[in-house]
C-alpha cells in the first residue's frame, strides 16, 4: 500500500469518527496553539520595545558620573562634576566618532500664560546637540545655537501644542514672547523655533489641559536661573554613522580615566542604547523560550493521548489487521499504515493549533497596543514537532499491530 493510499485511509478513518479524532487532537491543538501564541506575542512585544528604544537613538551613548563606592549618595557636588572643558576635550579627541553632544539642565516647571490662555511647561536647558540625540522634529524657525549658549540668552524653542494654545490662529509665533509663571518668579523668553510635540503614551492617557510640554532654553540660561555652575553629572554622546556606539562607549570611559583615576572618589561610566537594546532583546527572547518550553509540555500530553487512541484503534481493528496479513501484507506495511494515521492526526491538530495560536497572539498584541509580528520559524518548528510527536507516540501502537499473529487476530472477537 502506497503512502498516498495510507493517507486516504487515515483521513477516511478520521471522518468516520470525527468527535473522537477532535478529542484526540485536542492536546496537540492546545500545545501548538500555546507555543505559537507565546512566540507571536513575544515577537510583537520585542518589536514594539525595539521601535520605542530605537526612537530614543540607537547611536546614543549615556555618559554618567557616579560614586566609585556602591551605596554612596549619587548626587555629585559641583566641584567634582564633568566640566565643559572636559567635554570639549572629548569631542576634540574623537572628532570622527562623535556626531553631537547633548547637555541638559532642568530649570523647573511652570505655566505659560497669555491673558486667559495658559499651557503647562517644563523648562529644559539644552545644548545645540539635543535635537540630534532625541530626534526632535522642527516645524518652524530654528533650534538653539552656540551663540545662544555663549550669551545665556532668554530665547526658547516651544512645542506646536503650546504655540496653538497661547497663540491660536497666528500664522507664525517666531519672535513672540512667552511668559512662564513659576513658584517664585515670572520668566520671559523670545520664541525662536517650534518643534513637533509627540506623546510617548508612556504614562497612559492624559487630559489635554494637563499635558506638560518641554520649553527648551539654552543650557547656560537654565544654569543661571538655577544658580548652578557650568558642570554636568551626565550627558549624551551621539556616535557618528560609521562608528560603533559600543566601542565608542569604551573609549569614552578610558578618556575620563585621566580626570577620574583609581584614586578618585568618582568614576565615569558610559553605555550605549545599542548594547542596552541587545540586552533587553536577549532577555525577552530567553523568557519567551522558557515560557514556550513550559507550554510545549502539553504537546507531550497530547502525544500520550494519541498513543492511547491508536492503541484502542489497533484493538478495534484486530480482525482487519489479521485479514490483511493473511492476504500477504507485510509487517512494515501494517506499521507504516498506523504511523501515517498517527502523523495525520498530529499534523491536522498542529495546523489547527497554529491558526488558533496566531489568532490569540494577534488579539493579545492588539490589546497591548503592540504591532503584530508572527514568527514563521516558530510556526514551522511547531508543526514539524507535532509530526515528530505523531511518529514517536504512534510507533508503539503501530509496532504492536505489525507483530500481531494473523491466526490469533482472525480469531479475535
Protein backbone atom coordinates (compact mmCIF):
# COMPACT_ATOMS: atom_id res chain seq x y z
CA UNK A 1 0.00 0.00 0.00
CA UNK A 2 1.46 3.36 -1.03
CA UNK A 3 1.88 6.37 1.26
CA UNK A 4 -0.92 8.19 -0.59
CA UNK A 5 -3.30 5.26 -0.01
CA UNK A 6 -2.34 5.23 3.67
CA UNK A 7 -3.13 8.96 3.91
CA UNK A 8 -6.52 8.44 2.25
CA UNK A 9 -7.26 5.55 4.60
CA UNK A 10 -6.27 7.65 7.63
CA UNK A 11 -8.47 10.57 6.51
CA UNK A 12 -11.45 8.30 5.93
CA UNK A 13 -10.98 6.85 9.41
CA UNK A 14 -10.93 10.35 10.93
CA UNK A 15 -14.08 11.31 9.06
CA UNK A 16 -15.83 8.17 10.33
CA UNK A 17 -15.24 9.20 13.98
CA UNK A 18 -14.97 12.98 13.95
CA UNK A 19 -15.59 13.58 17.66
CA UNK A 20 -13.00 11.03 18.79
CA UNK A 21 -10.49 12.45 16.30
CA UNK A 22 -11.11 16.01 17.61
CA UNK A 23 -10.69 14.93 21.22
CA UNK A 24 -7.51 13.10 20.25
CA UNK A 25 -6.14 16.22 18.59
CA UNK A 26 -7.10 18.48 21.50
CA UNK A 27 -3.81 18.10 23.36
CA UNK A 28 -1.83 18.81 20.17
CA UNK A 29 -4.03 21.82 19.35
CA UNK A 30 -3.58 23.31 22.83
CA UNK A 31 0.17 22.66 22.85
CA UNK A 32 0.89 24.09 19.41
CA UNK A 33 -1.58 26.96 19.92
CA UNK A 34 0.07 27.93 23.22
CA UNK A 35 3.57 27.91 21.74
CA UNK A 36 2.55 29.95 18.67
CA UNK A 37 0.57 32.44 20.77
CA UNK A 38 3.51 32.96 23.13
CA UNK A 39 6.00 33.42 20.30
CA UNK A 40 3.66 35.77 18.40
CA UNK A 41 3.04 37.89 21.48
CA UNK A 42 6.74 37.83 22.37
CA UNK A 43 7.78 38.89 18.87
CA UNK A 44 5.23 41.71 18.94
CA UNK A 45 6.42 42.99 22.32
CA UNK A 46 10.05 42.74 21.23
CA UNK A 47 9.32 44.67 18.02
CA UNK A 48 7.39 47.32 19.96
CA UNK A 49 10.14 47.75 22.54
CA UNK A 50 12.79 47.83 19.81
CA UNK A 51 10.92 50.59 17.98
CA UNK A 52 10.49 52.62 21.16
CA UNK A 53 14.13 52.27 22.18
CA UNK A 54 15.30 52.96 18.62
CA UNK A 55 13.33 56.20 18.65
CA UNK A 56 15.45 57.25 21.62
CA UNK A 57 18.53 56.86 19.45
CA UNK A 58 20.40 53.62 18.84
CA UNK A 59 23.62 55.62 18.39
CA UNK A 60 23.19 57.43 21.71
CA UNK A 61 25.70 56.86 24.49
CA UNK A 62 24.79 57.89 28.04
CA UNK A 63 27.79 59.17 30.00
CA UNK A 64 27.33 59.26 33.78
CA UNK A 65 29.50 60.32 36.70
CA UNK A 66 28.81 58.32 39.82
CA UNK A 67 30.46 57.46 43.14
CA UNK A 68 33.07 54.73 42.90
CA UNK A 69 31.76 53.18 46.12
CA UNK A 70 28.46 51.38 45.76
CA UNK A 71 25.74 52.62 48.09
CA UNK A 72 27.15 56.14 48.29
CA UNK A 73 24.99 59.20 47.69
CA UNK A 74 24.56 59.55 43.94
CA UNK A 75 24.46 63.38 43.94
CA UNK A 76 27.90 64.70 42.98
CA UNK A 77 28.98 68.12 44.32
CA UNK A 78 29.61 70.75 41.68
CA UNK A 79 33.39 70.76 42.08
CA UNK A 80 33.54 67.04 41.26
CA UNK A 81 31.37 67.08 38.12
CA UNK A 82 32.44 66.97 34.48
CA UNK A 83 33.17 70.44 33.08
CA UNK A 84 32.69 71.99 29.66
CA UNK A 85 36.46 71.83 29.20
CA UNK A 86 36.45 68.06 29.72
CA UNK A 87 33.59 67.61 27.26
CA UNK A 88 35.27 69.85 24.67
CA UNK A 89 38.47 67.82 25.06
CA UNK A 90 36.46 64.63 24.49
CA UNK A 91 34.99 65.91 21.21
CA UNK A 92 38.43 67.06 20.06
CA UNK A 93 39.88 63.64 20.89
CA UNK A 94 37.25 61.76 18.83
CA UNK A 95 36.12 64.19 16.12
CA UNK A 96 35.28 61.45 13.58
CA UNK A 97 33.44 59.20 16.03
CA UNK A 98 31.28 61.82 17.79
CA UNK A 99 28.44 63.41 15.80
CA UNK A 100 26.97 65.51 18.62
CA UNK A 101 26.91 66.06 22.37
CA UNK A 102 23.65 66.70 24.19
CA UNK A 103 23.79 68.59 27.51
CA UNK A 104 20.69 69.05 29.65
CA UNK A 105 19.79 71.01 32.76
CA UNK A 106 16.36 71.10 34.34
CA UNK A 107 15.11 74.55 35.32
CA UNK A 108 11.86 73.56 36.98
CA UNK A 109 8.33 73.81 35.71
CA UNK A 110 5.62 76.43 35.42
CA UNK A 111 2.67 77.73 33.46
CA UNK A 112 2.98 79.76 30.29
CA UNK A 113 0.29 82.46 30.25
CA UNK A 114 -1.02 85.00 27.78
CA UNK A 115 -4.08 86.66 29.24
CA UNK A 116 -6.64 83.96 29.94
CA UNK A 117 -4.78 81.41 27.83
CA UNK A 118 -2.31 79.05 29.52
CA UNK A 119 -0.25 75.90 28.99
CA UNK A 120 1.82 73.75 31.35
CA UNK A 121 5.52 73.67 30.55
CA UNK A 122 8.69 72.05 31.80
CA UNK A 123 11.77 74.28 31.49
CA UNK A 124 14.62 72.29 29.98
CA UNK A 125 18.04 73.74 29.38
CA UNK A 126 19.64 72.00 26.40
CA UNK A 127 22.58 72.33 24.05
CA UNK A 128 22.54 72.51 20.22
CA UNK A 129 23.18 68.74 20.07
CA UNK A 130 19.90 67.90 21.81
CA UNK A 131 17.73 67.51 18.65
CA UNK A 132 20.28 65.09 17.15
CA UNK A 133 20.18 62.86 20.23
CA UNK A 134 16.40 62.99 20.63
CA UNK A 135 15.16 63.11 17.01
CA UNK A 136 13.43 66.45 17.57
CA UNK A 137 11.30 67.44 14.59
CA UNK A 138 11.44 71.20 13.98
CA UNK A 139 8.33 72.69 12.36
CA UNK A 140 9.25 76.36 12.28
CA UNK A 141 12.25 78.55 12.96
CA UNK A 142 15.49 77.15 14.32
CA UNK A 143 16.84 75.28 17.30
CA UNK A 144 19.19 76.77 19.86
CA UNK A 145 22.72 77.62 18.73
CA UNK A 146 26.16 78.02 20.24
CA UNK A 147 25.69 81.80 20.33
CA UNK A 148 22.54 81.37 22.40
CA UNK A 149 24.56 79.31 24.87
CA UNK A 150 27.51 81.69 24.99
CA UNK A 151 25.27 84.65 25.72
CA UNK A 152 22.91 82.71 28.01
CA UNK A 153 20.10 84.33 26.05
CA UNK A 154 16.45 84.29 27.07
CA UNK A 155 15.32 82.51 23.92
CA UNK A 156 13.19 79.40 23.71
CA UNK A 157 12.00 76.64 21.40
CA UNK A 158 8.38 75.71 22.17
CA UNK A 159 6.08 72.89 21.14
CA UNK A 160 3.42 73.23 18.48
CA UNK A 161 0.86 72.41 21.18
CA UNK A 162 1.97 75.38 23.29
CA UNK A 163 2.03 77.65 20.22
CA UNK A 164 -1.52 76.62 19.34
CA UNK A 165 -2.73 77.11 22.93
CA UNK A 166 -1.21 80.56 23.54
CA UNK A 167 -1.36 82.00 20.02
CA UNK A 168 -4.43 80.47 18.35
CA UNK A 169 -4.82 81.43 14.73
CA UNK A 170 -1.38 83.03 14.43
CA UNK A 171 0.45 82.36 11.15
CA UNK A 172 3.80 82.39 12.97
CA UNK A 173 4.86 82.62 16.59
CA UNK A 174 8.52 83.38 15.86
CA UNK A 175 9.58 86.49 17.73
CA UNK A 176 6.63 86.31 20.10
CA UNK A 177 7.30 86.47 23.82
CA UNK A 178 6.16 83.74 26.17
CA UNK A 179 5.83 84.43 29.90
CA UNK A 180 6.31 81.49 32.24
CA UNK A 181 4.97 81.77 35.78
CA UNK A 182 6.93 79.64 38.25
CA UNK A 183 6.53 79.38 42.01
CA UNK A 184 8.75 82.38 42.73
CA UNK A 185 9.17 84.38 39.51
CA UNK A 186 7.90 85.28 36.05
CA UNK A 187 10.31 84.46 33.23
CA UNK A 188 10.09 85.91 29.72
CA UNK A 189 11.53 84.20 26.64
CA UNK A 190 11.55 85.08 22.96
CA UNK A 191 10.40 82.22 20.71
CA UNK A 192 12.95 81.29 18.03
CA UNK A 193 11.57 77.90 16.98
CA UNK A 194 8.67 75.46 17.19
CA UNK A 195 9.08 71.68 17.44
CA UNK A 196 6.51 68.94 16.89
CA UNK A 197 5.18 67.51 20.14
CA UNK A 198 4.80 63.73 20.23
CA UNK A 199 3.04 61.98 23.09
CA UNK A 200 5.03 58.90 24.09
CA UNK A 201 1.99 57.40 25.79
CA UNK A 202 4.31 56.00 28.47
CA UNK A 203 2.16 57.28 31.34
CA UNK A 204 -1.13 56.38 29.69
CA UNK A 205 -3.85 58.77 28.53
CA UNK A 206 -3.58 62.33 29.88
CA UNK A 207 -6.20 65.05 29.63
CA UNK A 208 -5.31 67.76 27.08
CA UNK A 209 -5.28 70.52 29.71
CA UNK A 210 -2.90 68.52 31.92
CA UNK A 211 -0.30 67.81 29.23
CA UNK A 212 3.05 69.41 30.09
CA UNK A 213 5.35 70.05 27.16
CA UNK A 214 9.03 70.96 27.25
CA UNK A 215 10.14 74.54 26.69
CA UNK A 216 13.76 74.37 25.54
CA UNK A 217 16.16 77.16 26.52
CA UNK A 218 19.97 77.36 26.37
CA UNK A 219 21.58 75.14 28.99
CA UNK A 220 23.64 78.11 30.21
CA UNK A 221 20.44 80.09 30.74
CA UNK A 222 19.00 77.22 32.78
CA UNK A 223 22.17 77.04 34.87
CA UNK A 224 21.97 80.80 35.52
CA UNK A 225 18.33 80.50 36.58
CA UNK A 226 19.12 77.60 38.88
CA UNK A 227 22.28 79.20 40.26
CA UNK A 228 24.22 76.13 39.12
CA UNK A 229 27.75 76.13 37.74
CA UNK A 230 28.77 75.05 34.24
CA UNK A 231 29.37 71.40 35.11
CA UNK A 232 27.46 68.19 34.49
CA UNK A 233 26.87 64.87 36.18
CA UNK A 234 25.69 63.24 32.96
CA UNK A 235 25.33 63.96 29.26
CA UNK A 236 24.65 62.14 26.00
CA UNK A 237 27.04 61.49 23.13
CA UNK A 238 25.74 60.65 19.65
CA UNK A 239 28.03 58.31 17.73
CA UNK A 240 28.71 59.15 14.10
CA UNK A 241 27.27 56.97 11.37
CA UNK A 242 30.41 54.92 10.73
CA UNK A 243 31.37 54.50 14.41
CA UNK A 244 30.43 51.64 16.72
CA UNK A 245 28.49 53.00 19.74
CA UNK A 246 29.68 50.13 21.93
CA UNK A 247 33.35 50.71 21.07
CA UNK A 248 32.99 54.46 21.48
CA UNK A 249 31.45 53.93 24.94
CA UNK A 250 34.60 52.04 25.98
CA UNK A 251 36.81 54.80 24.57
CA UNK A 252 34.88 57.46 26.50
CA UNK A 253 35.34 55.59 29.78
CA UNK A 254 39.09 55.33 29.10
CA UNK A 255 39.26 59.02 28.19
CA UNK A 256 37.80 60.16 31.51
CA UNK A 257 40.21 57.98 33.48
CA UNK A 258 42.72 60.83 33.12
CA UNK A 259 40.36 63.03 35.19
CA UNK A 260 38.92 60.35 37.47
CA UNK A 261 41.72 57.90 38.13
CA UNK A 262 41.79 54.98 40.57
CA UNK A 263 42.33 57.35 43.50
CA UNK A 264 39.28 59.44 42.64
CA UNK A 265 36.04 59.08 44.60
CA UNK A 266 34.09 59.07 41.34
CA UNK A 267 34.04 57.05 38.16
CA UNK A 268 32.64 57.75 34.68
CA UNK A 269 30.54 55.04 33.08
CA UNK A 270 29.24 55.02 29.51
CA UNK A 271 26.72 52.67 27.98
CA UNK A 272 25.14 52.72 24.55
CA UNK A 273 21.48 52.30 23.69
CA UNK A 274 22.63 49.69 21.19
CA UNK A 275 24.05 47.43 23.91
CA UNK A 276 21.03 48.10 26.13
CA UNK A 277 18.71 47.18 23.25
CA UNK A 278 20.62 43.93 22.69
CA UNK A 279 20.41 43.10 26.40
CA UNK A 280 16.66 43.72 26.58
CA UNK A 281 16.03 41.76 23.36
CA UNK A 282 18.07 38.78 24.62
CA UNK A 283 16.26 38.87 27.96
CA UNK A 284 12.84 38.90 26.29
CA UNK A 285 13.88 36.05 23.98
CA UNK A 286 15.07 33.96 26.93
CA UNK A 287 11.83 34.48 28.86
CA UNK A 288 9.84 33.78 25.70
CA UNK A 289 11.64 30.49 25.06
CA UNK A 290 11.30 29.42 28.72
CA UNK A 291 7.54 30.04 28.74
CA UNK A 292 7.15 28.33 25.36
CA UNK A 293 9.06 25.29 26.67
CA UNK A 294 6.63 25.03 29.58
CA UNK A 295 3.68 25.34 27.18
CA UNK A 296 5.21 22.64 24.97
CA UNK A 297 4.74 20.12 27.78
CA UNK A 298 1.10 19.93 26.72
CA UNK A 299 2.38 18.59 23.39
CA UNK A 300 3.77 15.58 25.23
CA UNK A 301 0.44 15.16 26.98
CA UNK A 302 -1.25 15.34 23.59
CA UNK A 303 1.17 12.73 22.27
CA UNK A 304 0.23 10.37 25.08
CA UNK A 305 -3.41 10.88 24.13
CA UNK A 306 -2.60 10.00 20.53
CA UNK A 307 -0.83 6.84 21.64
CA UNK A 308 -3.81 5.85 23.78
CA UNK A 309 -6.28 6.31 20.92
CA UNK A 310 -4.01 4.45 18.49
CA UNK A 311 -3.81 1.50 20.90
CA UNK A 312 -7.61 1.48 21.05
CA UNK A 313 -7.70 1.67 17.26
CA UNK A 314 -5.37 -1.32 16.97
CA UNK A 315 -7.61 -3.30 19.31
CA UNK A 316 -10.76 -2.36 17.37
CA UNK A 317 -9.19 -3.30 14.03
CA UNK A 318 -7.52 -6.54 15.08
CA UNK A 319 -9.59 -8.67 12.68
CA UNK A 320 -8.87 -6.20 9.85
CA UNK A 321 -5.15 -6.49 10.58
CA UNK A 322 -5.39 -10.29 10.63
CA UNK A 323 -7.21 -10.30 7.27
CA UNK A 324 -4.60 -8.04 5.66
CA UNK A 325 -1.74 -10.18 6.96
CA UNK A 326 -3.48 -13.35 5.76
CA UNK A 327 -3.69 -11.78 2.28
CA UNK A 328 0.07 -11.18 2.30
CA UNK A 329 0.52 -7.74 3.87
CA UNK A 330 3.97 -7.32 5.34
CA UNK A 331 4.64 -6.18 8.90
CA UNK A 332 6.26 -2.99 7.55
CA UNK A 333 3.09 -2.11 5.59
CA UNK A 334 0.94 -2.50 8.73
CA UNK A 335 3.43 -0.45 10.73
CA UNK A 336 3.51 2.37 8.16
CA UNK A 337 -0.29 2.46 7.98
CA UNK A 338 -0.71 3.19 11.68
CA UNK A 339 2.27 5.59 11.85
CA UNK A 340 0.84 7.59 8.93
CA UNK A 341 -2.55 7.72 10.67
CA UNK A 342 -0.89 8.99 13.85
CA UNK A 343 1.06 11.62 11.89
CA UNK A 344 -2.09 12.80 10.09
CA UNK A 345 -3.86 13.27 13.43
CA UNK A 346 -0.95 15.31 14.81
CA UNK A 347 -0.48 17.29 11.59
CA UNK A 348 -4.14 18.35 11.44
CA UNK A 349 -4.03 19.19 15.15
CA UNK A 350 -0.84 21.20 14.59
CA UNK A 351 -2.35 23.23 11.73
CA UNK A 352 -5.45 24.00 13.81
CA UNK A 353 -3.18 24.93 16.73
CA UNK A 354 -1.17 27.31 14.53
CA UNK A 355 -4.33 29.09 13.38
CA UNK A 356 -5.64 29.29 16.95
CA UNK A 357 -2.27 30.45 18.30
CA UNK A 358 -1.89 33.17 15.68
CA UNK A 359 -5.38 34.42 16.43
CA UNK A 360 -4.74 34.55 20.18
CA UNK A 361 -1.30 36.13 19.70
CA UNK A 362 -2.65 38.84 17.41
CA UNK A 363 -5.53 39.55 19.78
CA UNK A 364 -3.12 39.86 22.70
CA UNK A 365 -0.82 42.15 20.69
CA UNK A 366 -3.73 44.41 19.77
CA UNK A 367 -4.85 44.60 23.41
CA UNK A 368 -1.33 45.67 24.43
CA UNK A 369 -1.12 48.13 21.54
CA UNK A 370 1.93 46.36 20.08
CA UNK A 371 2.42 45.72 16.36
CA UNK A 372 1.55 42.15 15.39
CA UNK A 373 4.60 40.15 14.39
CA UNK A 374 4.36 36.41 13.68
CA UNK A 375 7.44 34.18 13.94
CA UNK A 376 7.50 31.99 10.82
CA UNK A 377 10.34 29.89 12.22
CA UNK A 378 8.32 29.02 15.34
CA UNK A 379 5.34 28.02 13.16
CA UNK A 380 7.45 25.64 11.09
CA UNK A 381 9.10 24.19 14.20
CA UNK A 382 5.75 23.72 15.99
CA UNK A 383 4.17 21.88 13.04
CA UNK A 384 7.28 19.76 12.49
CA UNK A 385 7.44 18.93 16.19
CA UNK A 386 3.79 17.88 16.19
CA UNK A 387 4.56 15.45 13.33
CA UNK A 388 7.55 14.11 15.28
CA UNK A 389 5.19 13.58 18.22
CA UNK A 390 2.94 11.61 15.87
CA UNK A 391 5.81 9.36 14.77
CA UNK A 392 7.19 8.90 18.29
CA UNK A 393 3.91 8.12 20.05
CA UNK A 394 2.45 6.29 17.07
CA UNK A 395 5.32 3.87 16.68
CA UNK A 396 4.49 1.66 19.67
CA UNK A 397 0.83 1.04 18.65
CA UNK A 398 1.94 0.59 15.01
CA UNK A 399 4.63 -1.89 16.01
CA UNK A 400 2.15 -3.76 18.19
CA UNK A 401 -0.25 -4.02 15.24
CA UNK A 402 2.55 -5.21 12.92
CA UNK A 403 3.54 -8.03 15.31
CA UNK A 404 0.04 -9.46 15.71
CA UNK A 405 -0.23 -13.14 14.83
CA UNK A 406 -2.62 -13.37 11.83
CA UNK A 407 -4.33 -16.51 13.12
CA UNK A 408 -4.91 -15.04 16.59
CA UNK A 409 -6.02 -11.77 15.01
CA UNK A 410 -8.63 -13.53 12.83
CA UNK A 411 -9.98 -15.32 15.92
CA UNK A 412 -10.35 -12.02 17.81
CA UNK A 413 -13.93 -11.12 18.62
